[in-house]
Amino acid sequence: MTETNTDIDVLQERLAEVREEVGKRIIGQRDVLERLLVCIIADGNALLESNPGLGKTTMVRTVAEVTGLDFSRVQNTPDLMPSDITGTEVIRDSGETRAFVFDKGPIFANIVLADEINRATPKTQAALLEAMQEKQVTAAGETYDLPRPFLVLATQNPVDQEGTYPLPEAQTDRFLLKLVLDYPAAEEERDIVNLYTGSGSGSAPPVETVVTRSEIRQIQSLAREMPIADDVRDRAIELVRATREAETVEFGASPRASMGLVLTAKARAFLRGRAHVSWEDVAEMAPPVLRHRILLDFRAEREGLTADDVIATLVDEV
């Protein structure tokens, strides 16, 4: 690695402070928070799925505050237009002259929360593709670079699908991770109720910024340099290739999944304060990296298998 061990240790301590600070406002969901931070470290996009009311928006907003990243939120609706996200040209009158000026949309932020992305039309969903992959926006023949780091965190609910537009495979593949939030445990739910209904205003507890934008960029660079043994890397690739040959899988994951699995394993190892990648990192990141990239066939549905079930079996076999 290019930095000294002291520098790396300090940055890893910063990440531990991020988790503690977010924990002041978010009770439970530790695995989801870890994987969300992995997504930021790996400089990727994430799709968050859960039933309503489980704190997806609050978690994303809190992470943005604690990491010092600019945040914007887009509420997706069927009448949302692509220009509502990317921006549009407007006429500016300076008194003496008139000129077209590009008025940047909410996508020009470090963290963009696309709430209920499947309620936007395919045309509007497609407006995010270039930003998610190329980190840029093209409008009126001009290309504008997005601020770095840049990531899209989109949410969708697995229920109430009436009037929605399911994301096509080409777009779901742009998401590095798919994170699934579950209901909190009884003790956690009690703590949540006490936190937000106790004495005081009932608003979210304050949090502090504990890491800077430049440090996030440095962390992203260092994570990519994280050493990974050849046999661990090859097993990760073998796991992805196994999804294309599994009997219950109709369509397997692409090489983009292989890259994503290795990169997120590196990010998790860095987040955990280690200096190398282990097979545990690969196994833990396999479900969020692969669950939205494989399509199960009728046999899996008949047997009641989910994508996570199939992935768990393949991890054990590999």
Protein backbone atom coordinates (compact mmCIF):
# COMPACT_ATOMS: atom_id res chain seq x y z
CA MET A 1 0.00 0.00 0.00
CA THR A 2 1.19 3.52 -0.73
CA GLU A 3 0.34 5.01 2.71
CA THR A 4 2.08 4.30 6.03
CA ASN A 5 0.55 1.88 8.51
CA THR A 6 -0.19 4.81 10.83
CA ASP A 7 -2.24 6.54 8.15
CA ILE A 8 -4.17 3.37 7.43
CA ASP A 9 -4.83 2.75 11.13
CA VAL A 10 -6.17 6.28 11.57
CA LEU A 11 -8.54 5.92 8.63
CA GLN A 12 -9.77 2.55 9.87
CA GLU A 13 -10.41 4.16 13.27
CA ARG A 14 -12.39 6.89 11.51
CA LEU A 15 -14.63 4.24 9.98
CA ALA A 16 -15.22 2.70 13.41
CA GLU A 17 -16.24 6.15 14.65
CA VAL A 18 -18.65 6.45 11.71
CA ARG A 19 -20.42 3.26 12.79
CA GLU A 20 -20.65 4.47 16.40
CA GLU A 21 -21.98 7.87 15.38
CA VAL A 22 -24.64 6.44 13.06
CA GLY A 23 -25.63 4.11 15.92
CA LYS A 24 -26.80 7.16 17.90
CA ARG A 25 -29.69 7.52 15.45
CA ILE A 26 -30.12 4.04 13.94
CA ILE A 27 -30.92 1.19 16.34
CA GLY A 28 -30.01 -2.27 15.05
CA GLN A 29 -29.49 -2.96 11.31
CA ARG A 30 -25.77 -3.44 11.98
CA ASP A 31 -25.22 -5.75 9.02
CA VAL A 32 -27.03 -3.39 6.66
CA LEU A 33 -25.03 -0.42 7.93
CA GLU A 34 -21.77 -2.32 7.47
CA ARG A 35 -22.67 -3.23 3.90
CA LEU A 36 -23.76 0.33 3.17
CA LEU A 37 -20.33 1.55 4.32
CA VAL A 38 -18.74 -1.18 2.20
CA CYS A 39 -20.64 0.23 -0.77
CA ILE A 40 -19.26 3.71 -0.11
CA ILE A 41 -15.71 2.40 0.31
CA ALA A 42 -16.05 0.41 -2.93
CA ASP A 43 -17.43 3.51 -4.72
CA GLY A 44 -20.55 1.68 -5.91
CA ASN A 45 -24.33 2.01 -5.90
CA ALA A 46 -26.79 0.15 -3.68
CA LEU A 47 -30.43 -0.89 -3.90
CA LEU A 48 -32.16 -0.99 -0.51
CA GLU A 49 -35.32 -3.07 -0.22
CA SER A 50 -37.65 -3.43 2.75
CA ASN A 51 -41.19 -2.94 3.88
CA PRO A 52 -42.17 0.69 4.62
CA GLY A 53 -41.13 2.29 7.87
CA LEU A 54 -37.85 0.49 8.57
CA GLY A 55 -35.63 3.57 8.38
CA LYS A 56 -34.03 3.31 4.94
CA THR A 57 -34.15 7.05 4.30
CA THR A 58 -33.05 7.94 7.84
CA MET A 59 -30.06 5.60 7.60
CA VAL A 60 -28.86 7.01 4.28
CA ARG A 61 -29.29 10.62 5.41
CA THR A 62 -27.44 9.90 8.67
CA VAL A 63 -24.53 8.23 6.89
CA ALA A 64 -24.24 11.28 4.62
CA GLU A 65 -24.16 13.62 7.64
CA VAL A 66 -21.56 11.58 9.51
CA THR A 67 -19.28 11.23 6.46
CA GLY A 68 -19.55 14.88 5.45
CA LEU A 69 -20.91 14.08 2.00
CA ASP A 70 -23.43 16.23 0.14
CA PHE A 71 -26.86 14.60 0.14
CA SER A 72 -29.91 14.96 -2.06
CA ARG A 73 -33.17 13.05 -2.21
CA VAL A 74 -35.36 12.36 -5.24
CA GLN A 75 -38.90 11.13 -4.62
CA ASN A 76 -39.72 9.02 -7.65
CA THR A 77 -43.24 9.30 -9.03
CA PRO A 78 -44.79 8.31 -12.39
CA ASP A 79 -44.78 11.93 -13.58
CA LEU A 80 -41.09 12.53 -12.74
CA MET A 81 -39.11 13.54 -15.83
CA PRO A 82 -35.42 12.83 -16.54
CA SER A 83 -34.66 16.56 -16.45
CA ASP A 84 -36.07 16.69 -12.91
CA ILE A 85 -33.12 14.52 -11.90
CA THR A 86 -30.26 15.60 -14.16
CA GLY A 87 -31.15 19.26 -14.63
CA THR A 88 -32.19 21.42 -17.55
CA GLU A 89 -31.13 24.49 -19.52
CA VAL A 90 -32.77 27.75 -18.49
CA ILE A 91 -32.51 31.27 -19.85
CA ARG A 92 -30.63 33.64 -17.58
CA ASP A 93 -31.07 37.38 -18.09
CA SER A 94 -28.09 39.39 -16.86
CA GLY A 95 -29.65 42.71 -17.84
CA GLU A 96 -27.61 43.17 -21.01
CA THR A 97 -27.61 39.67 -22.46
CA ARG A 98 -29.59 36.49 -22.32
CA ALA A 99 -27.94 33.10 -22.34
CA PHE A 100 -28.81 29.45 -21.79
CA VAL A 101 -27.38 28.16 -18.52
CA PHE A 102 -27.49 24.58 -17.30
CA ASP A 103 -29.36 24.41 -14.01
CA LYS A 104 -28.01 21.33 -12.23
CA GLY A 105 -30.50 18.85 -10.84
CA PRO A 106 -30.43 16.92 -7.55
CA ILE A 107 -28.16 14.25 -9.02
CA PHE A 108 -25.22 16.62 -8.52
CA ALA A 109 -24.49 15.45 -4.98
CA ASN A 110 -22.18 12.90 -3.39
CA ILE A 111 -25.01 10.66 -2.17
CA VAL A 112 -28.25 10.64 -4.14
CA LEU A 113 -31.18 8.87 -2.52
CA ALA A 114 -33.62 7.72 -5.21
CA ASP A 115 -36.65 6.94 -3.07
CA GLU A 116 -39.03 4.28 -4.45
CA ILE A 117 -37.14 4.11 -7.72
CA ASN A 118 -39.56 1.56 -9.18
CA ARG A 119 -42.34 4.17 -9.17
CA ALA A 120 -40.55 6.20 -11.86
CA THR A 121 -41.12 5.39 -15.53
CA PRO A 122 -38.46 3.44 -17.47
CA LYS A 123 -37.45 6.66 -19.27
CA THR A 124 -36.70 8.37 -15.97
CA GLN A 125 -35.00 5.29 -14.56
CA ALA A 126 -32.74 5.26 -17.60
CA ALA A 127 -31.63 8.81 -16.81
CA LEU A 128 -29.74 7.35 -13.86
CA LEU A 129 -27.81 4.78 -15.90
CA GLU A 130 -25.09 7.10 -17.21
CA ALA A 131 -24.64 8.70 -13.80
CA MET A 132 -24.39 5.37 -12.00
CA GLN A 133 -21.89 3.86 -14.42
CA GLU A 134 -19.92 6.76 -15.89
CA LYS A 135 -20.18 9.27 -13.00
CA GLN A 136 -21.29 11.94 -15.44
CA VAL A 137 -24.41 13.53 -16.95
CA THR A 138 -24.96 14.50 -20.58
CA ALA A 139 -27.51 17.24 -21.23
CA ALA A 140 -28.06 19.48 -24.26
CA GLY A 141 -24.96 18.07 -25.91
CA GLU A 142 -22.68 18.86 -22.97
CA THR A 143 -21.13 16.43 -20.50
CA TYR A 144 -20.90 17.36 -16.83
CA ASP A 145 -18.81 15.44 -14.31
CA LEU A 146 -20.52 14.51 -11.08
CA PRO A 147 -18.90 15.28 -7.71
CA ARG A 148 -16.71 12.54 -6.26
CA PRO A 149 -17.32 10.38 -4.46
CA PHE A 150 -20.68 9.75 -6.10
CA LEU A 151 -23.15 6.97 -5.45
CA VAL A 152 -26.85 6.33 -5.95
CA LEU A 153 -28.70 4.66 -3.11
CA ALA A 154 -32.13 3.63 -4.35
CA THR A 155 -34.99 2.22 -2.31
CA GLN A 156 -37.94 0.09 -3.25
CA ASN A 157 -40.66 -1.71 -1.32
CA PRO A 158 -41.35 -5.40 -2.00
CA VAL A 159 -45.07 -4.82 -1.34
CA ASP A 160 -47.63 -2.52 -2.95
CA GLN A 161 -46.40 -3.12 -6.50
CA GLU A 162 -49.45 -1.58 -8.18
CA GLY A 163 -48.42 1.24 -10.49
CA THR A 164 -44.72 0.41 -10.35
CA TYR A 165 -42.17 -0.19 -13.10
CA PRO A 166 -39.80 -3.07 -12.19
CA LEU A 167 -36.15 -2.29 -12.79
CA PRO A 168 -34.75 -4.02 -15.90
CA GLU A 169 -31.76 -6.33 -15.56
CA ALA A 170 -29.49 -3.77 -17.25
CA GLN A 171 -30.18 -1.32 -14.44
CA THR A 172 -30.15 -3.71 -11.49
CA ASP A 173 -26.69 -4.84 -12.67
CA ARG A 174 -25.50 -1.24 -12.13
CA PHE A 175 -26.12 -1.66 -8.42
CA LEU A 176 -23.06 -3.07 -6.71
CA LEU A 177 -25.15 -4.34 -3.79
CA LYS A 178 -28.76 -5.15 -3.01
CA LEU A 179 -29.42 -4.72 0.70
CA VAL A 180 -32.49 -6.17 2.39
CA LEU A 181 -33.69 -4.66 5.66
CA ASP A 182 -35.68 -6.83 8.05
CA TYR A 183 -37.88 -5.95 11.01
CA PRO A 184 -35.96 -5.13 14.22
CA ALA A 185 -35.82 -7.50 17.17
CA ALA A 186 -38.22 -6.85 20.07
CA GLU A 187 -35.55 -5.20 22.24
CA GLU A 188 -34.34 -3.04 19.35
CA GLU A 189 -37.88 -1.93 18.53
CA ARG A 190 -38.39 -0.95 22.18
CA ASP A 191 -35.21 1.15 22.06
CA ILE A 192 -36.37 2.81 18.83
CA VAL A 193 -39.71 3.75 20.37
CA ASN A 194 -38.02 5.11 23.51
CA LEU A 195 -35.52 7.11 21.43
CA TYR A 196 -38.08 8.83 19.22
CA THR A 197 -41.04 9.16 21.60
CA GLY A 198 -39.28 10.06 24.85
CA SER A 199 -38.73 13.46 26.40
CA GLY A 200 -37.60 16.21 24.07
CA SER A 201 -38.70 17.17 20.59
CA GLY A 202 -38.92 13.59 19.34
CA SER A 203 -36.69 14.49 16.39
CA ALA A 204 -33.64 12.52 15.31
CA PRO A 205 -30.71 12.77 17.75
CA PRO A 206 -27.85 15.00 16.53
CA VAL A 207 -24.77 13.40 15.00
CA GLU A 208 -21.30 14.74 14.22
CA THR A 209 -19.20 14.56 11.07
CA VAL A 210 -16.24 12.31 11.91
CA VAL A 211 -14.62 11.83 8.48
CA THR A 212 -14.01 14.24 5.63
CA ARG A 213 -14.75 13.91 1.94
CA SER A 214 -11.05 13.77 1.10
CA GLU A 215 -10.55 11.00 3.66
CA ILE A 216 -13.36 9.01 2.05
CA ARG A 217 -11.55 9.33 -1.29
CA GLN A 218 -8.33 8.17 0.36
CA ILE A 219 -10.11 5.21 1.95
CA GLN A 220 -11.55 4.22 -1.45
CA SER A 221 -8.07 4.28 -2.97
CA LEU A 222 -6.50 2.27 -0.16
CA ALA A 223 -9.24 -0.36 -0.20
CA ARG A 224 -8.53 -1.09 -3.87
CA GLU A 225 -4.91 -1.79 -2.94
CA MET A 226 -5.91 -4.29 -0.24
CA PRO A 227 -3.95 -7.54 -0.84
CA ILE A 228 -5.97 -10.63 -1.78
CA ALA A 229 -4.42 -14.07 -2.16
CA ASP A 230 -4.67 -15.66 -5.58
CA ASP A 231 -6.57 -18.67 -4.24
CA VAL A 232 -9.17 -16.46 -2.50
CA ARG A 233 -9.61 -14.38 -5.65
CA ASP A 234 -9.95 -17.50 -7.81
CA ARG A 235 -12.54 -18.99 -5.45
CA ALA A 236 -14.53 -15.76 -5.66
CA ILE A 237 -14.50 -16.00 -9.45
CA GLU A 238 -15.40 -19.68 -9.26
CA LEU A 239 -18.39 -18.80 -7.07
CA VAL A 240 -19.72 -16.33 -9.63
CA ARG A 241 -19.16 -18.78 -12.48
CA ALA A 242 -21.03 -21.43 -10.48
CA THR A 243 -24.18 -19.30 -10.68
CA ARG A 244 -24.20 -19.86 -14.45
CA GLU A 245 -24.13 -23.64 -14.07
CA ALA A 246 -26.45 -24.15 -11.08
CA GLU A 247 -29.49 -26.28 -11.90
CA THR A 248 -31.97 -23.91 -10.29
CA VAL A 249 -30.58 -20.75 -11.93
CA GLU A 250 -31.87 -19.69 -15.34
CA PHE A 251 -29.48 -16.76 -15.80
CA GLY A 252 -26.24 -16.44 -13.84
CA ALA A 253 -24.14 -13.45 -12.83
CA SER A 254 -21.81 -11.62 -15.24
CA PRO A 255 -18.09 -10.84 -14.86
CA ARG A 256 -19.19 -7.51 -13.39
CA ALA A 257 -20.33 -9.56 -10.39
CA SER A 258 -16.86 -11.13 -10.12
CA MET A 259 -15.28 -7.68 -9.99
CA GLY A 260 -17.88 -6.47 -7.51
CA LEU A 261 -17.39 -9.48 -5.24
CA VAL A 262 -13.62 -9.04 -5.04
CA LEU A 263 -13.87 -5.26 -4.60
CA THR A 264 -16.47 -5.45 -1.81
CA ALA A 265 -14.47 -8.17 -0.06
CA LYS A 266 -11.50 -5.79 -0.05
CA ALA A 267 -13.70 -2.97 1.27
CA ARG A 268 -15.09 -5.18 4.05
CA ALA A 269 -11.59 -6.24 5.09
CA PHE A 270 -10.52 -2.59 5.27
CA LEU A 271 -13.65 -1.67 7.23
CA ARG A 272 -12.97 -4.50 9.68
CA GLY A 273 -9.45 -3.15 10.30
CA ARG A 274 -7.54 -5.97 8.62
CA ALA A 275 -4.62 -5.81 6.17
CA HIS A 276 -5.68 -8.61 3.83
CA VAL A 277 -8.81 -10.24 2.39
CA SER A 278 -10.06 -13.54 3.79
CA TRP A 279 -12.57 -16.05 2.38
CA GLU A 280 -14.98 -14.89 5.11
CA ASP A 281 -15.10 -11.46 3.44
CA VAL A 282 -16.01 -13.05 0.11
CA ALA A 283 -18.65 -15.34 1.64
CA GLU A 284 -20.27 -12.50 3.59
CA MET A 285 -20.46 -10.21 0.55
CA ALA A 286 -21.74 -12.89 -1.84
CA PRO A 287 -25.47 -12.49 -1.04
CA PRO A 288 -25.71 -8.69 -1.49
CA VAL A 289 -23.51 -8.81 -4.61
CA LEU A 290 -25.29 -11.73 -6.31
CA ARG A 291 -28.93 -11.81 -5.15
CA HIS A 292 -30.11 -9.27 -7.74
CA ARG A 293 -27.91 -10.62 -10.53
CA ILE A 294 -29.26 -14.17 -10.81
CA LEU A 295 -32.64 -15.28 -12.11
CA LEU A 296 -34.07 -18.49 -10.64
CA ASP A 297 -35.98 -20.98 -12.78
CA PHE A 298 -39.30 -22.69 -12.12
CA ARG A 299 -37.66 -25.51 -10.16
CA ALA A 300 -36.37 -23.11 -7.53
CA GLU A 301 -39.79 -21.47 -7.25
CA ARG A 302 -41.46 -24.88 -6.97
CA GLU A 303 -39.11 -25.85 -4.14
CA GLY A 304 -39.60 -22.51 -2.41
CA LEU A 305 -35.96 -21.47 -2.78
CA THR A 306 -34.84 -17.85 -2.74
CA ALA A 307 -31.78 -16.33 -4.39
CA ASP A 308 -30.08 -16.22 -0.98
CA ASP A 309 -30.74 -19.94 -0.48
CA VAL A 310 -29.08 -20.77 -3.81
CA ILE A 311 -26.13 -18.48 -3.09
CA ALA A 312 -25.60 -20.04 0.36
CA THR A 313 -25.50 -23.51 -1.22
CA LEU A 314 -22.98 -22.39 -3.84
CA VAL A 315 -20.77 -20.77 -1.19
CA ASP A 316 -20.67 -24.06 0.74
CA GLU A 317 -19.86 -26.01 -2.41
CA VAL A 318 -17.07 -23.68 -3.50
